Amino acid sequence: MLSPVNLTYRKLYDAYDALLEANPGKSLKVSNGMVMFRESDEIYSCTLAADGSIDEDTVGAISECAWNDADNCWDYHPDSETTVAEVNNPVFIE
């Protein structure tokens, strides 16, 4: 289990990487209608289209630029507990 205490971008990235490596060909559902997926040893995020397919116009490598160091979470999350919940209770899609 990933702890919200002293959470860092690197710890979260490594947790995403481990989950996605253990579930090849699947994407991890995250907040805001987005998914994370692994390709060529890189982690990408994108939004899902209304039909559940990947919106290719939104695909991009995840970046520390969207990380909130003050709250130890993504900028779009209210706190680190919300951020780790997606890893500790993963939901995958094909």
C-alpha atoms as a PDB file:
ATOM      1  CA  MET A   1       0.000   0.000   0.000  1.00  0.00           C
ATOM      2  CA  LEU A   2       1.234   3.430  -0.923  1.00  0.00           C
ATOM      3  CA  SER A   3       1.165   5.865   1.989  1.00  0.00           C
ATOM      4  CA  PRO A   4      -0.105   9.430   1.640  1.00  0.00           C
ATOM      5  CA  VAL A   5       2.465  10.477   4.270  1.00  0.00           C
ATOM      6  CA  ASN A   6       5.512  12.097   2.643  1.00  0.00           C
ATOM      7  CA  LEU A   7       4.220  11.188  -0.809  1.00  0.00           C
ATOM      8  CA  THR A   8       6.435  12.377  -3.641  1.00  0.00           C
ATOM      9  CA  TYR A   9       6.031  12.458  -7.383  1.00  0.00           C
ATOM     10  CA  ARG A  10       8.782   9.822  -7.704  1.00  0.00           C
ATOM     11  CA  LYS A  11       7.077   7.441  -5.233  1.00  0.00           C
ATOM     12  CA  LEU A  12       3.791   7.824  -7.084  1.00  0.00           C
ATOM     13  CA  TYR A  13       5.431   7.371 -10.488  1.00  0.00           C
ATOM     14  CA  ASP A  14       7.099   4.167  -9.271  1.00  0.00           C
ATOM     15  CA  ALA A  15       3.755   2.897  -7.921  1.00  0.00           C
ATOM     16  CA  TYR A  16       2.036   3.586 -11.275  1.00  0.00           C
ATOM     17  CA  ASP A  17       4.901   1.875 -13.068  1.00  0.00           C
ATOM     18  CA  ALA A  18       4.693  -1.241 -10.889  1.00  0.00           C
ATOM     19  CA  LEU A  19       0.907  -1.506 -11.310  1.00  0.00           C
ATOM     20  CA  LEU A  20       1.013  -1.031 -15.063  1.00  0.00           C
ATOM     21  CA  GLU A  21       3.955  -3.376 -15.549  1.00  0.00           C
ATOM     22  CA  ALA A  22       2.079  -6.083 -13.632  1.00  0.00           C
ATOM     23  CA  ASN A  23      -1.006  -5.525 -15.845  1.00  0.00           C
ATOM     24  CA  PRO A  24       0.301  -5.334 -19.421  1.00  0.00           C
ATOM     25  CA  GLY A  25      -2.127  -4.008 -22.019  1.00  0.00           C
ATOM     26  CA  LYS A  26      -4.347  -2.387 -19.411  1.00  0.00           C
ATOM     27  CA  SER A  27      -4.862   1.247 -18.403  1.00  0.00           C
ATOM     28  CA  LEU A  28      -5.366   2.529 -14.871  1.00  0.00           C
ATOM     29  CA  LYS A  29      -8.461   4.683 -14.385  1.00  0.00           C
ATOM     30  CA  VAL A  30      -7.753   7.896 -12.488  1.00  0.00           C
ATOM     31  CA  SER A  31      -9.633  11.092 -11.667  1.00  0.00           C
ATOM     32  CA  ASN A  32     -11.252  13.471 -14.114  1.00  0.00           C
ATOM     33  CA  GLY A  33     -12.105  10.787 -16.680  1.00  0.00           C
ATOM     34  CA  MET A  34      -8.458  10.068 -17.299  1.00  0.00           C
ATOM     35  CA  VAL A  35      -6.367   6.914 -17.559  1.00  0.00           C
ATOM     36  CA  MET A  36      -2.681   6.119 -17.170  1.00  0.00           C
ATOM     37  CA  PHE A  37      -0.940   3.598 -19.380  1.00  0.00           C
ATOM     38  CA  ARG A  38       2.602   2.371 -19.905  1.00  0.00           C
ATOM     39  CA  GLU A  39       4.334   2.312 -23.252  1.00  0.00           C
ATOM     40  CA  SER A  40       8.049   1.982 -24.022  1.00  0.00           C
ATOM     41  CA  ASP A  41       8.951   2.267 -20.322  1.00  0.00           C
ATOM     42  CA  GLU A  42       7.153   5.621 -20.052  1.00  0.00           C
ATOM     43  CA  ILE A  43       3.863   6.426 -18.322  1.00  0.00           C
ATOM     44  CA  TYR A  44       1.288   8.430 -20.246  1.00  0.00           C
ATOM     45  CA  SER A  45      -2.063   9.901 -19.337  1.00  0.00           C
ATOM     46  CA  CYS A  46      -5.034  10.813 -21.473  1.00  0.00           C
ATOM     47  CA  THR A  47      -8.741  11.382 -21.252  1.00  0.00           C
ATOM     48  CA  LEU A  48     -11.336   8.881 -22.323  1.00  0.00           C
ATOM     49  CA  ALA A  49     -13.768   9.752 -25.081  1.00  0.00           C
ATOM     50  CA  ALA A  50     -17.505   9.342 -24.497  1.00  0.00           C
ATOM     51  CA  ASP A  51     -17.403   5.878 -26.107  1.00  0.00           C
ATOM     52  CA  GLY A  52     -14.643   4.748 -23.690  1.00  0.00           C
ATOM     53  CA  SER A  53     -11.847   4.921 -26.240  1.00  0.00           C
ATOM     54  CA  ILE A  54      -8.659   6.886 -25.717  1.00  0.00           C
ATOM     55  CA  ASP A  55      -8.812  10.481 -26.900  1.00  0.00           C
ATOM     56  CA  GLU A  56      -5.504  10.479 -28.769  1.00  0.00           C
ATOM     57  CA  ASP A  57      -5.407  14.284 -28.869  1.00  0.00           C
ATOM     58  CA  THR A  58      -4.907  14.311 -25.085  1.00  0.00           C
ATOM     59  CA  VAL A  59      -2.115  11.708 -24.780  1.00  0.00           C
ATOM     60  CA  GLY A  60       1.007  12.943 -23.035  1.00  0.00           C
ATOM     61  CA  ALA A  61       3.744  11.680 -20.748  1.00  0.00           C
ATOM     62  CA  ILE A  62       2.980  12.380 -17.115  1.00  0.00           C
ATOM     63  CA  SER A  63       5.068  15.172 -15.705  1.00  0.00           C
ATOM     64  CA  GLU A  64       6.123  16.565 -12.386  1.00  0.00           C
ATOM     65  CA  CYS A  65       4.845  19.936 -13.633  1.00  0.00           C
ATOM     66  CA  ALA A  66       1.351  18.916 -12.482  1.00  0.00           C
ATOM     67  CA  TRP A  67       2.586  17.880  -9.011  1.00  0.00           C
ATOM     68  CA  ASN A  68       1.720  19.974  -5.949  1.00  0.00           C
ATOM     69  CA  ASP A  69       4.740  19.800  -3.619  1.00  0.00           C
ATOM     70  CA  ALA A  70       2.953  21.684  -0.839  1.00  0.00           C
ATOM     71  CA  ASP A  71       0.105  19.135  -0.606  1.00  0.00           C
ATOM     72  CA  ASN A  72       1.992  16.074  -1.950  1.00  0.00           C
ATOM     73  CA  CYS A  73      -0.615  15.341  -4.616  1.00  0.00           C
ATOM     74  CA  TRP A  74      -1.595  16.105  -8.204  1.00  0.00           C
ATOM     75  CA  ASP A  75      -2.718  19.690  -8.748  1.00  0.00           C
ATOM     76  CA  TYR A  76      -6.230  18.462  -9.555  1.00  0.00           C
ATOM     77  CA  HIS A  77      -6.546  16.477  -6.286  1.00  0.00           C
ATOM     78  CA  PRO A  78      -7.508  18.054  -2.953  1.00  0.00           C
ATOM     79  CA  ASP A  79      -4.999  15.969  -0.960  1.00  0.00           C
ATOM     80  CA  SER A  80      -2.499  13.099  -1.012  1.00  0.00           C
ATOM     81  CA  GLU A  81      -5.130  10.635   0.259  1.00  0.00           C
ATOM     82  CA  THR A  82      -7.091  11.118  -2.960  1.00  0.00           C
ATOM     83  CA  THR A  83      -3.948  10.605  -5.028  1.00  0.00           C
ATOM     84  CA  VAL A  84      -2.919   7.332  -3.346  1.00  0.00           C
ATOM     85  CA  ALA A  85      -6.476   5.943  -3.386  1.00  0.00           C
ATOM     86  CA  GLU A  86      -6.191   5.457  -7.158  1.00  0.00           C
ATOM     87  CA  VAL A  87      -3.091   3.312  -6.626  1.00  0.00           C
ATOM     88  CA  ASN A  88      -4.207   1.455  -3.511  1.00  0.00           C
ATOM     89  CA  ASN A  89      -7.603   0.593  -5.032  1.00  0.00           C
ATOM     90  CA  PRO A  90      -6.770   0.325  -8.721  1.00  0.00           C
ATOM     91  CA  VAL A  91      -9.399   0.069 -11.439  1.00  0.00           C
ATOM     92  CA  PHE A  92      -8.126  -1.146 -14.797  1.00  0.00           C
ATOM     93  CA  ILE A  93      -9.624  -1.090 -18.276  1.00  0.00           C
ATOM     94  CA  GLU A  94      -8.553  -2.959 -21.398  1.00  0.00           C
END
